[in-house]
Amino acid sequence: MRRLRAILLFAILLPSAAATLAAQRAIPSGTIGAGVLSFEGHATVGDFTGTTSTVTGEMTGGTDLSAVRGWVEAPVKSLETGNGKRDKDLNKSMESGKYPVIRFDLTGVVPGAARGDTVDATLLGTFLIHGVSRADSIMATILLLPDKVRVQGKAPLDLSDYKIGGLSKALGMLKVSEAILIRLDLTFATRPMLGAAMSP
């Protein structure tokens, strides 16, 4: 009976211990080596996706995951939906000549459950879109490897919060929903940390 209790206690505590070790692991600084930023939109004529791989950004490391900070941005004009007319309308609504980039500044990380080198996390920060800055969060999965960190995440946004207009045409018969879903898939190439343990 005692052995059974010990086994059950170990099984309960093991996931928590793994999450703690992964979250407390030293994280090196890095620069985006590859990345994709996309959004899922909805319109009366059907759903569509806008995508760009022209993404830049940096992350500053820290003693653990919660200490990481950074930024990511992409040019509005680089977003492509597979429809030239729609891309033109997108740039007009986003006023890309006046507000050329979409940006997210990371101000905090809240680690969650861990599975080996993978940690669920909430990324806290500020979006800068169409000249409007708003605090928000991104639900993410972070893969921690010796030479890179991969971040995959998503966040729902309301275009009205960013004062983006021009979403209705043809007397309202053609309309784009203000609700979109932002997705990101970023890989940061990391630099070795002197005097910091890289293994969990």
N, C-alpha and C. Protein backbone atom coordinates (compact mmCIF):
# COMPACT_ATOMS: atom_id res chain seq x y z
N MET A 1 0.83 -1.21 0.00
CA MET A 1 0.00 0.00 0.00
C MET A 1 0.87 1.26 0.00
N ARG A 2 1.93 1.24 0.85
CA ARG A 2 2.82 2.40 0.89
C ARG A 2 3.50 2.61 -0.46
N ARG A 3 3.87 1.51 -1.08
CA ARG A 3 4.54 1.62 -2.38
C ARG A 3 3.59 2.19 -3.41
N LEU A 4 2.34 1.78 -3.38
CA LEU A 4 1.33 2.28 -4.31
C LEU A 4 1.13 3.78 -4.11
N ARG A 5 1.06 4.21 -2.84
CA ARG A 5 0.89 5.62 -2.55
C ARG A 5 2.08 6.43 -3.06
N ALA A 6 3.29 5.86 -2.90
CA ALA A 6 4.50 6.55 -3.35
C ALA A 6 4.49 6.71 -4.87
N ILE A 7 4.04 5.65 -5.55
CA ILE A 7 3.98 5.70 -7.02
C ILE A 7 2.96 6.75 -7.47
N LEU A 8 1.81 6.78 -6.81
CA LEU A 8 0.77 7.75 -7.18
C LEU A 8 1.25 9.18 -6.92
N LEU A 9 1.94 9.37 -5.80
CA LEU A 9 2.45 10.70 -5.47
C LEU A 9 3.49 11.14 -6.49
N PHE A 10 4.35 10.22 -6.92
CA PHE A 10 5.37 10.52 -7.92
C PHE A 10 4.72 10.91 -9.24
N ALA A 11 3.67 10.16 -9.62
CA ALA A 11 2.97 10.43 -10.88
C ALA A 11 2.31 11.81 -10.86
N ILE A 12 1.83 12.22 -9.69
CA ILE A 12 1.17 13.53 -9.56
C ILE A 12 2.19 14.65 -9.62
N LEU A 13 3.33 14.45 -8.95
CA LEU A 13 4.33 15.53 -8.84
C LEU A 13 5.23 15.65 -10.05
N LEU A 14 5.38 14.57 -10.83
CA LEU A 14 6.32 14.59 -11.96
C LEU A 14 6.01 15.66 -12.99
N PRO A 15 4.74 15.80 -13.48
CA PRO A 15 4.46 16.86 -14.46
C PRO A 15 4.77 18.24 -13.92
N SER A 16 4.44 18.47 -12.64
CA SER A 16 4.71 19.78 -12.04
C SER A 16 6.21 20.05 -11.98
N ALA A 17 6.97 19.03 -11.63
CA ALA A 17 8.43 19.19 -11.55
C ALA A 17 9.01 19.46 -12.92
N ALA A 18 8.50 18.78 -13.96
CA ALA A 18 8.99 18.98 -15.32
C ALA A 18 8.70 20.39 -15.79
N ALA A 19 7.52 20.88 -15.47
CA ALA A 19 7.15 22.25 -15.86
C ALA A 19 8.05 23.26 -15.17
N THR A 20 8.34 23.02 -13.90
CA THR A 20 9.19 23.93 -13.15
C THR A 20 10.60 23.96 -13.73
N LEU A 21 11.16 22.78 -14.05
CA LEU A 21 12.50 22.71 -14.60
C LEU A 21 12.59 23.41 -15.95
N ALA A 22 11.60 23.19 -16.82
CA ALA A 22 11.62 23.81 -18.14
C ALA A 22 11.47 25.32 -18.03
N ALA A 23 10.57 25.76 -17.16
CA ALA A 23 10.33 27.20 -17.01
C ALA A 23 11.52 27.91 -16.38
N GLN A 24 12.29 27.20 -15.53
CA GLN A 24 13.42 27.82 -14.84
C GLN A 24 14.73 27.67 -15.60
N ARG A 25 14.69 27.05 -16.75
CA ARG A 25 15.88 26.86 -17.57
C ARG A 25 16.38 28.20 -18.11
N ALA A 26 17.70 28.42 -18.11
CA ALA A 26 18.28 29.66 -18.64
C ALA A 26 18.02 29.74 -20.14
N ILE A 27 17.57 30.90 -20.60
CA ILE A 27 17.22 31.09 -22.00
C ILE A 27 18.18 32.08 -22.63
N PRO A 28 18.86 31.71 -23.73
CA PRO A 28 19.79 32.63 -24.38
C PRO A 28 19.06 33.65 -25.26
N SER A 29 19.75 34.73 -25.61
CA SER A 29 19.19 35.71 -26.54
C SER A 29 19.22 35.15 -27.95
N GLY A 30 18.40 35.73 -28.83
CA GLY A 30 18.36 35.22 -30.20
C GLY A 30 17.70 36.18 -31.16
N THR A 31 17.85 35.87 -32.43
CA THR A 31 17.26 36.65 -33.51
C THR A 31 16.46 35.73 -34.41
N ILE A 32 15.36 36.20 -34.96
CA ILE A 32 14.52 35.37 -35.81
C ILE A 32 15.31 34.89 -37.04
N GLY A 33 15.37 33.58 -37.21
CA GLY A 33 16.00 33.01 -38.39
C GLY A 33 14.99 32.66 -39.45
N ALA A 34 13.78 32.34 -39.01
CA ALA A 34 12.68 32.03 -39.93
C ALA A 34 11.38 32.30 -39.20
N GLY A 35 10.40 32.76 -39.93
CA GLY A 35 9.13 33.04 -39.28
C GLY A 35 8.00 33.25 -40.26
N VAL A 36 6.79 32.96 -39.80
CA VAL A 36 5.59 33.18 -40.58
C VAL A 36 4.56 33.85 -39.69
N LEU A 37 4.00 34.94 -40.17
CA LEU A 37 2.91 35.62 -39.49
C LEU A 37 1.70 35.56 -40.41
N SER A 38 0.55 35.16 -39.88
CA SER A 38 -0.64 35.05 -40.71
C SER A 38 -1.87 35.47 -39.93
N PHE A 39 -2.96 35.70 -40.67
CA PHE A 39 -4.24 35.98 -40.02
C PHE A 39 -5.34 35.27 -40.79
N GLU A 40 -6.35 34.88 -40.06
CA GLU A 40 -7.53 34.25 -40.66
C GLU A 40 -8.67 35.24 -40.61
N GLY A 41 -9.23 35.57 -41.78
CA GLY A 41 -10.32 36.53 -41.87
C GLY A 41 -11.59 35.90 -42.39
N HIS A 42 -12.70 36.58 -42.21
CA HIS A 42 -14.00 36.09 -42.65
C HIS A 42 -14.73 37.20 -43.40
N ALA A 43 -15.32 36.83 -44.52
CA ALA A 43 -16.05 37.79 -45.34
C ALA A 43 -17.32 37.16 -45.88
N THR A 44 -18.22 37.98 -46.41
CA THR A 44 -19.47 37.46 -46.95
C THR A 44 -19.23 36.53 -48.14
N VAL A 45 -18.10 36.70 -48.83
CA VAL A 45 -17.79 35.85 -49.99
C VAL A 45 -16.95 34.64 -49.60
N GLY A 46 -16.64 34.50 -48.31
CA GLY A 46 -15.88 33.34 -47.84
C GLY A 46 -14.71 33.70 -46.96
N ASP A 47 -14.15 32.69 -46.31
CA ASP A 47 -13.00 32.90 -45.43
C ASP A 47 -11.72 33.05 -46.25
N PHE A 48 -10.73 33.69 -45.68
CA PHE A 48 -9.45 33.87 -46.37
C PHE A 48 -8.33 33.97 -45.34
N THR A 49 -7.10 33.81 -45.83
CA THR A 49 -5.91 33.89 -44.97
C THR A 49 -4.89 34.82 -45.59
N GLY A 50 -4.30 35.66 -44.77
CA GLY A 50 -3.20 36.50 -45.20
C GLY A 50 -1.92 36.03 -44.53
N THR A 51 -0.84 35.96 -45.31
CA THR A 51 0.39 35.38 -44.79
C THR A 51 1.62 36.19 -45.23
N THR A 52 2.60 36.26 -44.35
CA THR A 52 3.89 36.82 -44.71
C THR A 52 5.01 36.04 -44.02
N SER A 53 6.11 35.88 -44.73
CA SER A 53 7.31 35.28 -44.12
C SER A 53 8.40 36.34 -43.98
N THR A 54 8.04 37.60 -44.24
CA THR A 54 8.97 38.71 -44.04
C THR A 54 8.81 39.20 -42.60
N VAL A 55 9.43 38.48 -41.70
CA VAL A 55 9.27 38.74 -40.27
C VAL A 55 10.64 38.96 -39.65
N THR A 56 10.78 39.99 -38.84
CA THR A 56 12.02 40.24 -38.13
C THR A 56 11.72 40.34 -36.63
N GLY A 57 12.74 40.15 -35.82
CA GLY A 57 12.53 40.24 -34.38
C GLY A 57 13.71 39.73 -33.59
N GLU A 58 13.69 40.03 -32.32
CA GLU A 58 14.75 39.60 -31.41
C GLU A 58 14.15 39.21 -30.06
N MET A 59 14.87 38.37 -29.35
CA MET A 59 14.49 38.04 -27.99
C MET A 59 15.72 38.20 -27.10
N THR A 60 15.54 38.79 -25.94
CA THR A 60 16.62 38.90 -24.97
C THR A 60 16.44 37.78 -23.95
N GLY A 61 17.49 37.05 -23.72
CA GLY A 61 17.41 35.91 -22.82
C GLY A 61 17.33 36.32 -21.36
N GLY A 62 17.30 35.30 -20.51
CA GLY A 62 17.23 35.56 -19.08
C GLY A 62 17.51 34.31 -18.30
N THR A 63 17.45 34.41 -17.00
CA THR A 63 17.74 33.28 -16.13
C THR A 63 16.66 32.20 -16.22
N ASP A 64 15.46 32.60 -16.67
CA ASP A 64 14.39 31.62 -16.88
C ASP A 64 13.44 32.18 -17.93
N LEU A 65 12.45 31.38 -18.30
CA LEU A 65 11.53 31.75 -19.38
C LEU A 65 10.74 33.02 -19.06
N SER A 66 10.39 33.21 -17.80
CA SER A 66 9.58 34.38 -17.43
C SER A 66 10.35 35.69 -17.60
N ALA A 67 11.67 35.61 -17.72
CA ALA A 67 12.50 36.82 -17.84
C ALA A 67 12.73 37.24 -19.30
N VAL A 68 12.28 36.43 -20.24
CA VAL A 68 12.52 36.72 -21.66
C VAL A 68 11.67 37.91 -22.11
N ARG A 69 12.28 38.78 -22.91
CA ARG A 69 11.59 39.91 -23.52
C ARG A 69 11.95 39.94 -25.00
N GLY A 70 11.25 40.75 -25.79
CA GLY A 70 11.59 40.81 -27.19
C GLY A 70 10.57 41.55 -28.02
N TRP A 71 10.71 41.45 -29.33
CA TRP A 71 9.78 42.10 -30.25
C TRP A 71 9.77 41.36 -31.58
N VAL A 72 8.66 41.52 -32.30
CA VAL A 72 8.49 40.92 -33.62
C VAL A 72 7.71 41.92 -34.46
N GLU A 73 8.09 42.06 -35.74
CA GLU A 73 7.31 42.92 -36.61
C GLU A 73 7.36 42.43 -38.06
N ALA A 74 6.37 42.85 -38.84
CA ALA A 74 6.29 42.48 -40.25
C ALA A 74 5.68 43.64 -41.03
N PRO A 75 6.15 43.89 -42.26
CA PRO A 75 5.56 44.95 -43.08
C PRO A 75 4.15 44.57 -43.53
N VAL A 76 3.22 45.52 -43.42
CA VAL A 76 1.85 45.27 -43.85
C VAL A 76 1.81 44.89 -45.33
N LYS A 77 2.62 45.56 -46.14
CA LYS A 77 2.61 45.32 -47.59
C LYS A 77 3.08 43.93 -47.97
N SER A 78 3.73 43.22 -47.04
CA SER A 78 4.20 41.87 -47.35
C SER A 78 3.11 40.81 -47.17
N LEU A 79 1.97 41.19 -46.57
CA LEU A 79 0.87 40.24 -46.37
C LEU A 79 0.21 39.92 -47.71
N GLU A 80 0.03 38.65 -47.99
CA GLU A 80 -0.60 38.21 -49.23
C GLU A 80 -1.75 37.26 -48.93
N THR A 81 -2.87 37.48 -49.61
CA THR A 81 -4.06 36.64 -49.39
C THR A 81 -4.36 35.73 -50.57
N GLY A 82 -3.56 35.83 -51.64
CA GLY A 82 -3.82 35.03 -52.82
C GLY A 82 -4.79 35.69 -53.79
N ASN A 83 -5.15 36.92 -53.50
CA ASN A 83 -6.07 37.68 -54.35
C ASN A 83 -5.56 39.12 -54.41
N GLY A 84 -5.10 39.53 -55.61
CA GLY A 84 -4.51 40.85 -55.76
C GLY A 84 -5.43 41.99 -55.38
N LYS A 85 -6.71 41.88 -55.76
CA LYS A 85 -7.68 42.93 -55.43
C LYS A 85 -7.87 43.02 -53.91
N ARG A 86 -7.94 41.87 -53.27
CA ARG A 86 -8.11 41.86 -51.81
C ARG A 86 -6.86 42.41 -51.12
N ASP A 87 -5.68 42.09 -51.66
CA ASP A 87 -4.44 42.63 -51.09
C ASP A 87 -4.42 44.15 -51.19
N LYS A 88 -4.90 44.67 -52.30
CA LYS A 88 -4.96 46.12 -52.49
C LYS A 88 -5.92 46.75 -51.49
N ASP A 89 -7.08 46.12 -51.30
CA ASP A 89 -8.05 46.61 -50.32
C ASP A 89 -7.49 46.54 -48.90
N LEU A 90 -6.75 45.47 -48.63
CA LEU A 90 -6.16 45.31 -47.30
C LEU A 90 -5.20 46.46 -47.00
N ASN A 91 -4.33 46.77 -47.97
CA ASN A 91 -3.37 47.86 -47.77
C ASN A 91 -4.06 49.21 -47.64
N LYS A 92 -5.17 49.37 -48.34
CA LYS A 92 -5.93 50.62 -48.23
C LYS A 92 -6.56 50.74 -46.84
N SER A 93 -7.18 49.66 -46.36
CA SER A 93 -7.81 49.68 -45.03
C SER A 93 -6.77 49.86 -43.92
N MET A 94 -5.61 49.23 -44.10
CA MET A 94 -4.56 49.29 -43.09
C MET A 94 -3.72 50.57 -43.22
N GLU A 95 -3.95 51.32 -44.30
CA GLU A 95 -3.16 52.54 -44.55
C GLU A 95 -1.66 52.24 -44.41
N SER A 96 -1.22 51.24 -45.18
CA SER A 96 0.14 50.74 -45.04
C SER A 96 1.21 51.79 -45.37
N GLY A 97 0.85 52.79 -46.18
CA GLY A 97 1.81 53.85 -46.45
C GLY A 97 2.09 54.70 -45.22
N LYS A 98 1.08 54.87 -44.38
CA LYS A 98 1.19 55.67 -43.16
C LYS A 98 1.60 54.84 -41.96
N TYR A 99 1.11 53.60 -41.90
CA TYR A 99 1.41 52.70 -40.79
C TYR A 99 1.99 51.41 -41.39
N PRO A 100 3.29 51.41 -41.68
CA PRO A 100 3.87 50.33 -42.49
C PRO A 100 4.07 48.98 -41.83
N VAL A 101 4.05 48.90 -40.48
CA VAL A 101 4.36 47.62 -39.85
C VAL A 101 3.30 47.19 -38.84
N ILE A 102 3.24 45.88 -38.66
CA ILE A 102 2.51 45.26 -37.55
C ILE A 102 3.58 44.80 -36.56
N ARG A 103 3.40 45.11 -35.29
CA ARG A 103 4.46 44.82 -34.31
C ARG A 103 3.86 44.29 -33.01
N PHE A 104 4.62 43.40 -32.37
CA PHE A 104 4.27 42.93 -31.03
C PHE A 104 5.50 43.05 -30.15
N ASP A 105 5.37 43.78 -29.04
CA ASP A 105 6.45 43.91 -28.06
C ASP A 105 6.15 43.02 -26.87
N LEU A 106 7.03 42.08 -26.58
CA LEU A 106 6.85 41.14 -25.48
C LEU A 106 7.29 41.78 -24.17
N THR A 107 6.38 41.85 -23.22
CA THR A 107 6.68 42.44 -21.91
C THR A 107 6.69 41.42 -20.77
N GLY A 108 6.26 40.19 -21.05
CA GLY A 108 6.24 39.18 -20.00
C GLY A 108 5.86 37.82 -20.54
N VAL A 109 6.29 36.78 -19.86
CA VAL A 109 5.95 35.40 -20.22
C VAL A 109 5.46 34.68 -18.97
N VAL A 110 4.30 34.05 -19.09
CA VAL A 110 3.75 33.25 -17.99
C VAL A 110 3.80 31.78 -18.40
N PRO A 111 4.78 31.01 -17.90
CA PRO A 111 4.91 29.60 -18.27
C PRO A 111 3.74 28.77 -17.75
N GLY A 112 3.40 27.73 -18.52
CA GLY A 112 2.35 26.81 -18.11
C GLY A 112 2.88 25.38 -18.06
N ALA A 113 2.08 24.46 -18.55
CA ALA A 113 2.46 23.04 -18.52
C ALA A 113 3.65 22.77 -19.44
N ALA A 114 4.47 21.79 -19.07
CA ALA A 114 5.65 21.42 -19.85
C ALA A 114 5.59 19.96 -20.25
N ARG A 115 6.13 19.68 -21.45
CA ARG A 115 6.25 18.30 -21.95
C ARG A 115 7.65 18.19 -22.54
N GLY A 116 8.59 17.73 -21.73
CA GLY A 116 9.97 17.67 -22.19
C GLY A 116 10.52 19.07 -22.43
N ASP A 117 10.95 19.34 -23.68
CA ASP A 117 11.49 20.65 -24.03
C ASP A 117 10.42 21.62 -24.50
N THR A 118 9.15 21.23 -24.44
CA THR A 118 8.05 22.07 -24.91
C THR A 118 7.27 22.62 -23.72
N VAL A 119 7.04 23.93 -23.75
CA VAL A 119 6.33 24.59 -22.65
C VAL A 119 5.17 25.40 -23.21
N ASP A 120 3.99 25.21 -22.63
CA ASP A 120 2.87 26.09 -22.94
C ASP A 120 3.07 27.40 -22.19
N ALA A 121 2.70 28.51 -22.82
CA ALA A 121 2.92 29.79 -22.15
C ALA A 121 1.94 30.84 -22.65
N THR A 122 1.76 31.85 -21.84
CA THR A 122 1.00 33.03 -22.24
C THR A 122 2.00 34.16 -22.43
N LEU A 123 2.02 34.73 -23.63
CA LEU A 123 2.92 35.83 -23.94
C LEU A 123 2.17 37.14 -23.71
N LEU A 124 2.68 37.96 -22.83
CA LEU A 124 2.06 39.25 -22.54
C LEU A 124 2.80 40.34 -23.28
N GLY A 125 2.05 41.30 -23.81
CA GLY A 125 2.73 42.36 -24.53
C GLY A 125 1.79 43.37 -25.13
N THR A 126 2.29 44.07 -26.13
CA THR A 126 1.54 45.15 -26.76
C THR A 126 1.60 45.02 -28.28
N PHE A 127 0.43 45.02 -28.91
CA PHE A 127 0.34 45.06 -30.36
C PHE A 127 0.35 46.51 -30.82
N LEU A 128 1.07 46.78 -31.90
CA LEU A 128 1.01 48.07 -32.56
C LEU A 128 0.51 47.81 -33.98
N ILE A 129 -0.75 48.18 -34.25
CA ILE A 129 -1.38 47.96 -35.54
C ILE A 129 -2.13 49.21 -35.95
N HIS A 130 -1.90 49.67 -37.17
CA HIS A 130 -2.60 50.85 -37.69
C HIS A 130 -2.42 52.06 -36.78
N GLY A 131 -1.23 52.15 -36.20
CA GLY A 131 -0.92 53.29 -35.34
C GLY A 131 -1.52 53.23 -33.95
N VAL A 132 -2.21 52.14 -33.63
CA VAL A 132 -2.86 51.98 -32.33
C VAL A 132 -2.09 50.94 -31.51
N SER A 133 -1.77 51.28 -30.29
CA SER A 133 -1.05 50.38 -29.39
C SER A 133 -2.01 49.85 -28.32
N ARG A 134 -2.10 48.52 -28.19
CA ARG A 134 -3.01 47.91 -27.22
C ARG A 134 -2.33 46.73 -26.53
N ALA A 135 -2.51 46.65 -25.22
CA ALA A 135 -2.01 45.50 -24.46
C ALA A 135 -2.86 44.29 -24.76
N ASP A 136 -2.21 43.14 -24.93
CA ASP A 136 -2.94 41.91 -25.25
C ASP A 136 -2.07 40.72 -24.88
N SER A 137 -2.53 39.52 -25.17
CA SER A 137 -1.76 38.31 -24.88
C SER A 137 -1.89 37.32 -26.02
N ILE A 138 -0.91 36.43 -26.10
CA ILE A 138 -0.88 35.39 -27.13
C ILE A 138 -0.72 34.05 -26.43
N MET A 139 -1.57 33.10 -26.74
CA MET A 139 -1.43 31.75 -26.22
C MET A 139 -0.41 31.03 -27.09
N ALA A 140 0.64 30.50 -26.49
CA ALA A 140 1.75 29.98 -27.28
C ALA A 140 2.26 28.64 -26.77
N THR A 141 2.97 27.97 -27.67
CA THR A 141 3.74 26.77 -27.34
C THR A 141 5.19 27.06 -27.69
N ILE A 142 6.09 26.84 -26.75
CA ILE A 142 7.50 27.19 -26.93
C ILE A 142 8.35 25.92 -26.87
N LEU A 143 9.14 25.71 -27.92
CA LEU A 143 10.05 24.58 -27.99
C LEU A 143 11.47 25.09 -27.71
N LEU A 144 12.08 24.60 -26.64
CA LEU A 144 13.41 25.05 -26.22
C LEU A 144 14.46 24.03 -26.63
N LEU A 145 15.31 24.40 -27.59
CA LEU A 145 16.38 23.54 -28.06
C LEU A 145 17.72 24.23 -27.82
N PRO A 146 18.84 23.49 -27.85
CA PRO A 146 20.14 24.09 -27.52
C PRO A 146 20.52 25.26 -28.42
N ASP A 147 20.12 25.24 -29.70
CA ASP A 147 20.55 26.29 -30.61
C ASP A 147 19.41 27.13 -31.18
N LYS A 148 18.19 26.88 -30.71
CA LYS A 148 17.06 27.67 -31.21
C LYS A 148 15.87 27.56 -30.29
N VAL A 149 14.98 28.52 -30.44
CA VAL A 149 13.72 28.54 -29.70
C VAL A 149 12.61 28.75 -30.72
N ARG A 150 11.65 27.84 -30.76
CA ARG A 150 10.54 27.97 -31.69
C ARG A 150 9.28 28.34 -30.92
N VAL A 151 8.61 29.38 -31.40
CA VAL A 151 7.40 29.88 -30.75
C VAL A 151 6.23 29.81 -31.73
N GLN A 152 5.20 29.09 -31.35
CA GLN A 152 3.97 29.02 -32.15
C GLN A 152 2.83 29.53 -31.28
N GLY A 153 2.04 30.45 -31.82
CA GLY A 153 0.98 31.02 -31.01
C GLY A 153 -0.16 31.58 -31.83
N LYS A 154 -1.22 31.97 -31.11
CA LYS A 154 -2.38 32.55 -31.77
C LYS A 154 -3.07 33.52 -30.82
N ALA A 155 -3.77 34.49 -31.41
CA ALA A 155 -4.50 35.47 -30.61
C ALA A 155 -5.64 36.05 -31.42
N PRO A 156 -6.86 36.07 -30.88
CA PRO A 156 -7.98 36.72 -31.57
C PRO A 156 -7.87 38.24 -31.45
N LEU A 157 -8.17 38.94 -32.54
CA LEU A 157 -8.14 40.40 -32.53
C LEU A 157 -9.42 40.95 -33.13
N ASP A 158 -9.79 42.13 -32.69
CA ASP A 158 -10.93 42.85 -33.25
C ASP A 158 -10.39 44.07 -33.98
N LEU A 159 -10.60 44.14 -35.29
CA LEU A 159 -10.04 45.22 -36.09
C LEU A 159 -10.59 46.58 -35.67
N SER A 160 -11.77 46.61 -35.09
CA SER A 160 -12.33 47.89 -34.65
C SER A 160 -11.52 48.48 -33.50
N ASP A 161 -10.85 47.63 -32.72
CA ASP A 161 -10.01 48.12 -31.63
C ASP A 161 -8.83 48.92 -32.16
N TYR A 162 -8.48 48.66 -33.42
CA TYR A 162 -7.34 49.34 -34.03
C TYR A 162 -7.78 50.37 -35.08
N LYS A 163 -9.04 50.73 -35.03
CA LYS A 163 -9.60 51.78 -35.88
C LYS A 163 -9.37 51.52 -37.36
N ILE A 164 -9.52 50.25 -37.74
CA ILE A 164 -9.36 49.86 -39.14
C ILE A 164 -10.73 49.86 -39.81
N GLY A 165 -10.90 50.68 -40.80
CA GLY A 165 -12.19 50.80 -41.49
C GLY A 165 -12.13 50.25 -42.90
N GLY A 166 -13.09 50.65 -43.72
CA GLY A 166 -13.13 50.20 -45.11
C GLY A 166 -13.41 48.73 -45.27
N LEU A 167 -14.14 48.15 -44.31
CA LEU A 167 -14.40 46.70 -44.35
C LEU A 167 -15.70 46.36 -45.05
N SER A 168 -16.46 47.36 -45.45
CA SER A 168 -17.75 47.12 -46.11
C SER A 168 -17.76 47.79 -47.48
N LYS A 169 -18.23 47.06 -48.49
CA LYS A 169 -18.31 47.58 -49.85
C LYS A 169 -19.64 47.20 -50.49
N ALA A 170 -19.93 47.82 -51.62
CA ALA A 170 -21.16 47.54 -52.37
C ALA A 170 -22.39 47.69 -51.49
N LEU A 171 -22.47 48.85 -50.81
CA LEU A 171 -23.61 49.16 -49.94
C LEU A 171 -23.80 48.11 -48.85
N GLY A 172 -22.71 47.56 -48.37
CA GLY A 172 -22.79 46.59 -47.27
C GLY A 172 -23.00 45.16 -47.69
N MET A 173 -23.13 44.92 -49.00
CA MET A 173 -23.35 43.54 -49.46
C MET A 173 -22.08 42.70 -49.35
N LEU A 174 -20.93 43.34 -49.47
CA LEU A 174 -19.65 42.67 -49.30
C LEU A 174 -19.00 43.22 -48.04
N LYS A 175 -18.76 42.38 -47.08
CA LYS A 175 -18.25 42.85 -45.81
C LYS A 175 -17.24 41.87 -45.22
N VAL A 176 -16.18 42.44 -44.66
CA VAL A 176 -15.17 41.65 -43.95
C VAL A 176 -15.44 41.77 -42.46
N SER A 177 -15.44 40.64 -41.76
CA SER A 177 -15.67 40.65 -40.32
C SER A 177 -14.54 41.37 -39.59
N GLU A 178 -14.89 42.06 -38.53
CA GLU A 178 -13.88 42.74 -37.71
C GLU A 178 -13.09 41.76 -36.86
N ALA A 179 -13.60 40.55 -36.67
CA ALA A 179 -12.93 39.53 -35.86
C ALA A 179 -11.97 38.72 -36.72
N ILE A 180 -10.70 38.70 -36.36
CA ILE A 180 -9.71 37.89 -37.06
C ILE A 180 -8.91 37.09 -36.04
N LEU A 181 -8.16 36.12 -36.54
CA LEU A 181 -7.29 35.33 -35.67
C LEU A 181 -5.87 35.45 -36.19
N ILE A 182 -4.98 35.98 -35.36
CA ILE A 182 -3.56 36.10 -35.70
C ILE A 182 -2.84 34.81 -35.32
N ARG A 183 -1.99 34.32 -36.19
CA ARG A 183 -1.15 33.16 -35.90
C ARG A 183 0.30 33.50 -36.17
N LEU A 184 1.20 32.93 -35.38
CA LEU A 184 2.62 33.13 -35.61
C LEU A 184 3.39 31.83 -35.40
N ASP A 185 4.44 31.68 -36.18
CA ASP A 185 5.34 30.53 -36.08
C ASP A 185 6.74 31.07 -36.29
N LEU A 186 7.48 31.25 -35.20
CA LEU A 186 8.76 31.94 -35.25
C LEU A 186 9.87 31.04 -34.69
N THR A 187 11.00 31.03 -35.37
CA THR A 187 12.16 30.30 -34.88
C THR A 187 13.30 31.28 -34.65
N PHE A 188 13.73 31.38 -33.40
CA PHE A 188 14.84 32.27 -33.03
C PHE A 188 16.13 31.45 -32.97
N ALA A 189 17.12 31.88 -33.74
CA ALA A 189 18.44 31.27 -33.63
C ALA A 189 19.11 31.89 -32.42
N THR A 190 19.50 31.06 -31.47
CA THR A 190 20.01 31.57 -30.20
C THR A 190 21.53 31.58 -30.16
N ARG A 191 22.06 32.41 -29.27
CA ARG A 191 23.50 32.53 -29.08
C ARG A 191 23.88 31.88 -27.75
N PRO A 192 25.05 31.23 -27.70
CA PRO A 192 25.46 30.56 -26.46
C PRO A 192 25.53 31.54 -25.30
N MET A 193 25.16 31.05 -24.13
CA MET A 193 25.23 31.88 -22.92
C MET A 193 26.46 31.47 -22.11
N LEU A 194 27.30 32.44 -21.79
CA LEU A 194 28.48 32.17 -20.98
C LEU A 194 28.09 32.01 -19.52
N GLY A 195 28.53 30.93 -18.92
CA GLY A 195 28.28 30.73 -17.51
C GLY A 195 26.86 30.35 -17.16
N ALA A 196 26.05 29.96 -18.18
CA ALA A 196 24.65 29.58 -17.91
C ALA A 196 24.43 28.16 -18.37
N ALA A 197 23.75 27.38 -17.55
CA ALA A 197 23.45 26.01 -17.89
C ALA A 197 22.41 25.98 -18.99
N MET A 198 22.65 25.16 -20.03
CA MET A 198 21.72 25.09 -21.14
C MET A 198 20.84 23.86 -21.08
N SER A 199 21.08 22.98 -20.17
CA SER A 199 20.27 21.78 -20.09
C SER A 199 19.36 21.85 -18.88
N PRO A 200 18.18 21.24 -19.01
CA PRO A 200 17.24 21.29 -17.87
C PRO A 200 17.78 20.56 -16.66
